[in-house]
Amino acid sequence: MAISPTQFAITTRQSANWSEAKRQVLATYRAWLRGAPEIQTMYSVPLPVSAIRTRIRQEFERNRFVNKLSVVDVMIFQSHADYQETMNFWRQTTHIMSYFKEENFRGEKRLPSSFMAGFLEGRN
């Protein structure tokens, strides 16, 4: 796929009411879910598409109870920007894998807790 900077660009707009904001959030969420297989292949993510979609769902659920319309608008804008950066391949695999702490190929616990633990593991 050829990279086109304006292909995923969306103009910013302010939501007039909560129903419009909800519509925009759902459209953004669906775009992310549809892009999950392409994200997996572009960034060579060693996880199934279902794990990527689950993580996308978790990110949206984390902000579910935001109750200010202006904050929701900013979050929608930021999500559009992140989506554009991701789909245009302006990120690196480490940026994508930072969302997967438990499944991360480097792992959170890649370093031993102490010198002696590393020594006994046989690390250099």
C-alpha atoms as a PDB file:
ATOM      1  CA  MET A   1       0.000   0.000   0.000  1.00  0.00           C
ATOM      2  CA  ALA A   2       1.343   3.391  -0.974  1.00  0.00           C
ATOM      3  CA  ILE A   3       1.591   5.907   1.817  1.00  0.00           C
ATOM      4  CA  SER A   4      -0.685   8.864   1.267  1.00  0.00           C
ATOM      5  CA  PRO A   5      -0.514  11.387   4.120  1.00  0.00           C
ATOM      6  CA  THR A   6      -4.008  12.692   3.490  1.00  0.00           C
ATOM      7  CA  GLN A   7      -5.729   9.340   2.963  1.00  0.00           C
ATOM      8  CA  PHE A   8      -6.718   8.951   6.611  1.00  0.00           C
ATOM      9  CA  ALA A   9      -6.918  12.653   7.463  1.00  0.00           C
ATOM     10  CA  ILE A  10     -10.176  13.806   9.019  1.00  0.00           C
ATOM     11  CA  THR A  11     -11.089  17.400   9.718  1.00  0.00           C
ATOM     12  CA  THR A  12     -11.501  18.313  13.345  1.00  0.00           C
ATOM     13  CA  ARG A  13     -14.914  19.298  14.517  1.00  0.00           C
ATOM     14  CA  GLN A  14     -16.658  20.004  17.736  1.00  0.00           C
ATOM     15  CA  SER A  15     -19.557  17.800  18.749  1.00  0.00           C
ATOM     16  CA  ALA A  16     -22.846  19.638  19.139  1.00  0.00           C
ATOM     17  CA  ASN A  17     -24.300  17.063  21.541  1.00  0.00           C
ATOM     18  CA  TRP A  18     -23.642  13.676  23.100  1.00  0.00           C
ATOM     19  CA  SER A  19     -25.331  11.682  20.348  1.00  0.00           C
ATOM     20  CA  GLU A  20     -23.018  13.176  17.725  1.00  0.00           C
ATOM     21  CA  ALA A  21     -19.983  12.492  19.923  1.00  0.00           C
ATOM     22  CA  LYS A  22     -21.130   8.909  20.407  1.00  0.00           C
ATOM     23  CA  ARG A  23     -21.493   8.500  16.653  1.00  0.00           C
ATOM     24  CA  GLN A  24     -17.943   9.796  16.115  1.00  0.00           C
ATOM     25  CA  VAL A  25     -16.511   7.532  18.816  1.00  0.00           C
ATOM     26  CA  LEU A  26     -18.202   4.479  17.301  1.00  0.00           C
ATOM     27  CA  ALA A  27     -16.959   5.391  13.823  1.00  0.00           C
ATOM     28  CA  THR A  28     -13.414   5.754  15.162  1.00  0.00           C
ATOM     29  CA  TYR A  29     -13.692   2.468  17.058  1.00  0.00           C
ATOM     30  CA  ARG A  30     -14.911   0.638  13.952  1.00  0.00           C
ATOM     31  CA  ALA A  31     -12.090   2.111  11.874  1.00  0.00           C
ATOM     32  CA  TRP A  32      -9.533   0.832  14.393  1.00  0.00           C
ATOM     33  CA  LEU A  33     -11.133  -2.626  14.416  1.00  0.00           C
ATOM     34  CA  ARG A  34     -11.176  -2.787  10.623  1.00  0.00           C
ATOM     35  CA  GLY A  35      -7.517  -1.751  10.534  1.00  0.00           C
ATOM     36  CA  ALA A  36      -6.352  -4.440  12.982  1.00  0.00           C
ATOM     37  CA  PRO A  37      -5.444  -7.073  10.325  1.00  0.00           C
ATOM     38  CA  GLU A  38      -3.494  -4.504   8.348  1.00  0.00           C
ATOM     39  CA  ILE A  39      -1.708  -3.306  11.497  1.00  0.00           C
ATOM     40  CA  GLN A  40      -0.705  -6.889  12.232  1.00  0.00           C
ATOM     41  CA  THR A  41       0.817  -7.398   8.780  1.00  0.00           C
ATOM     42  CA  MET A  42       2.408  -3.949   8.398  1.00  0.00           C
ATOM     43  CA  TYR A  43       4.141  -3.997  11.767  1.00  0.00           C
ATOM     44  CA  SER A  44       4.781  -7.782  11.877  1.00  0.00           C
ATOM     45  CA  VAL A  45       3.050  -8.060  15.240  1.00  0.00           C
ATOM     46  CA  PRO A  46       3.549 -11.603  16.592  1.00  0.00           C
ATOM     47  CA  LEU A  47       0.011 -11.668  18.017  1.00  0.00           C
ATOM     48  CA  PRO A  48      -3.305 -12.774  16.540  1.00  0.00           C
ATOM     49  CA  VAL A  49      -5.689 -10.136  15.204  1.00  0.00           C
ATOM     50  CA  SER A  50      -8.077 -10.964  18.034  1.00  0.00           C
ATOM     51  CA  ALA A  51      -5.476  -9.858  20.610  1.00  0.00           C
ATOM     52  CA  ILE A  52      -4.999  -6.575  18.775  1.00  0.00           C
ATOM     53  CA  ARG A  53      -8.749  -6.000  18.655  1.00  0.00           C
ATOM     54  CA  THR A  54      -9.030  -6.840  22.351  1.00  0.00           C
ATOM     55  CA  ARG A  55      -6.372  -4.268  23.182  1.00  0.00           C
ATOM     56  CA  ILE A  56      -8.145  -1.654  21.049  1.00  0.00           C
ATOM     57  CA  ARG A  57     -11.341  -2.407  22.969  1.00  0.00           C
ATOM     58  CA  GLN A  58      -9.506  -2.021  26.279  1.00  0.00           C
ATOM     59  CA  GLU A  59      -8.172   1.386  25.261  1.00  0.00           C
ATOM     60  CA  PHE A  60     -11.655   2.602  24.342  1.00  0.00           C
ATOM     61  CA  GLU A  61     -13.160   1.095  27.517  1.00  0.00           C
ATOM     62  CA  ARG A  62     -10.551   2.825  29.657  1.00  0.00           C
ATOM     63  CA  ASN A  63     -12.023   6.186  28.657  1.00  0.00           C
ATOM     64  CA  ARG A  64     -15.650   5.118  28.695  1.00  0.00           C
ATOM     65  CA  PHE A  65     -16.773   7.270  31.606  1.00  0.00           C
ATOM     66  CA  VAL A  66     -15.400  10.618  30.451  1.00  0.00           C
ATOM     67  CA  ASN A  67     -18.263  13.027  31.043  1.00  0.00           C
ATOM     68  CA  LYS A  68     -17.118  16.296  29.434  1.00  0.00           C
ATOM     69  CA  LEU A  69     -17.997  16.802  25.813  1.00  0.00           C
ATOM     70  CA  SER A  70     -14.930  18.943  25.092  1.00  0.00           C
ATOM     71  CA  VAL A  71     -12.632  16.242  26.507  1.00  0.00           C
ATOM     72  CA  VAL A  72     -14.326  13.605  24.361  1.00  0.00           C
ATOM     73  CA  ASP A  73     -13.780  15.796  21.285  1.00  0.00           C
ATOM     74  CA  VAL A  74     -10.061  16.089  22.058  1.00  0.00           C
ATOM     75  CA  MET A  75      -9.811  12.332  22.584  1.00  0.00           C
ATOM     76  CA  ILE A  76     -11.572  11.691  19.263  1.00  0.00           C
ATOM     77  CA  PHE A  77      -9.109  14.024  17.536  1.00  0.00           C
ATOM     78  CA  GLN A  78      -6.156  12.284  19.194  1.00  0.00           C
ATOM     79  CA  SER A  79      -7.516   8.902  18.169  1.00  0.00           C
ATOM     80  CA  HIS A  80      -7.835  10.056  14.562  1.00  0.00           C
ATOM     81  CA  ALA A  81      -4.253  11.316  14.633  1.00  0.00           C
ATOM     82  CA  ASP A  82      -2.999   8.027  16.113  1.00  0.00           C
ATOM     83  CA  TYR A  83      -4.939   6.060  13.522  1.00  0.00           C
ATOM     84  CA  GLN A  84      -3.493   8.135  10.697  1.00  0.00           C
ATOM     85  CA  GLU A  85       0.054   7.706  12.027  1.00  0.00           C
ATOM     86  CA  THR A  86      -0.435   3.974  12.441  1.00  0.00           C
ATOM     87  CA  MET A  87      -2.016   3.300   9.072  1.00  0.00           C
ATOM     88  CA  ASN A  88       0.481   5.488   7.191  1.00  0.00           C
ATOM     89  CA  PHE A  89       3.320   3.468   8.760  1.00  0.00           C
ATOM     90  CA  TRP A  90       4.735   6.494  10.565  1.00  0.00           C
ATOM     91  CA  ARG A  91       5.309   4.434  13.692  1.00  0.00           C
ATOM     92  CA  GLN A  92       7.690   1.645  14.462  1.00  0.00           C
ATOM     93  CA  THR A  93       6.961  -1.844  15.712  1.00  0.00           C
ATOM     94  CA  THR A  94       8.134  -0.912  19.210  1.00  0.00           C
ATOM     95  CA  HIS A  95       5.507   1.848  19.343  1.00  0.00           C
ATOM     96  CA  ILE A  96       2.782  -0.666  18.542  1.00  0.00           C
ATOM     97  CA  MET A  97       4.161  -3.306  20.888  1.00  0.00           C
ATOM     98  CA  SER A  98       4.245  -0.837  23.781  1.00  0.00           C
ATOM     99  CA  TYR A  99       0.474  -1.324  24.040  1.00  0.00           C
ATOM    100  CA  PHE A 100       1.022  -5.020  24.768  1.00  0.00           C
ATOM    101  CA  LYS A 101       2.920  -5.077  28.056  1.00  0.00           C
ATOM    102  CA  GLU A 102       2.122  -8.697  28.962  1.00  0.00           C
ATOM    103  CA  GLU A 103       2.596 -10.110  25.478  1.00  0.00           C
ATOM    104  CA  ASN A 104       5.507  -7.854  24.598  1.00  0.00           C
ATOM    105  CA  PHE A 105       8.250  -9.700  22.755  1.00  0.00           C
ATOM    106  CA  ARG A 106      10.852  -8.033  24.962  1.00  0.00           C
ATOM    107  CA  GLY A 107       8.811  -8.441  28.097  1.00  0.00           C
ATOM    108  CA  GLU A 108       8.514  -6.223  31.128  1.00  0.00           C
ATOM    109  CA  LYS A 109      10.725  -8.517  33.188  1.00  0.00           C
ATOM    110  CA  ARG A 110      13.522  -8.848  30.686  1.00  0.00           C
ATOM    111  CA  LEU A 111      16.103  -7.700  33.239  1.00  0.00           C
ATOM    112  CA  PRO A 112      16.733  -9.600  36.452  1.00  0.00           C
ATOM    113  CA  SER A 113      15.730  -7.997  39.733  1.00  0.00           C
ATOM    114  CA  SER A 114      19.255  -8.156  41.142  1.00  0.00           C
ATOM    115  CA  PHE A 115      22.801  -8.908  40.093  1.00  0.00           C
ATOM    116  CA  MET A 116      22.795 -12.291  41.795  1.00  0.00           C
ATOM    117  CA  ALA A 117      19.532 -13.368  40.106  1.00  0.00           C
ATOM    118  CA  GLY A 118      21.020 -12.491  36.712  1.00  0.00           C
ATOM    119  CA  PHE A 119      24.235 -14.265  37.552  1.00  0.00           C
ATOM    120  CA  LEU A 120      22.412 -17.430  38.540  1.00  0.00           C
ATOM    121  CA  GLU A 121      20.301 -17.309  35.374  1.00  0.00           C
ATOM    122  CA  GLY A 122      23.497 -17.269  33.349  1.00  0.00           C
ATOM    123  CA  ARG A 123      23.071 -13.822  31.865  1.00  0.00           C
ATOM    124  CA  ASN A 124      26.119 -11.961  30.696  1.00  0.00           C
END
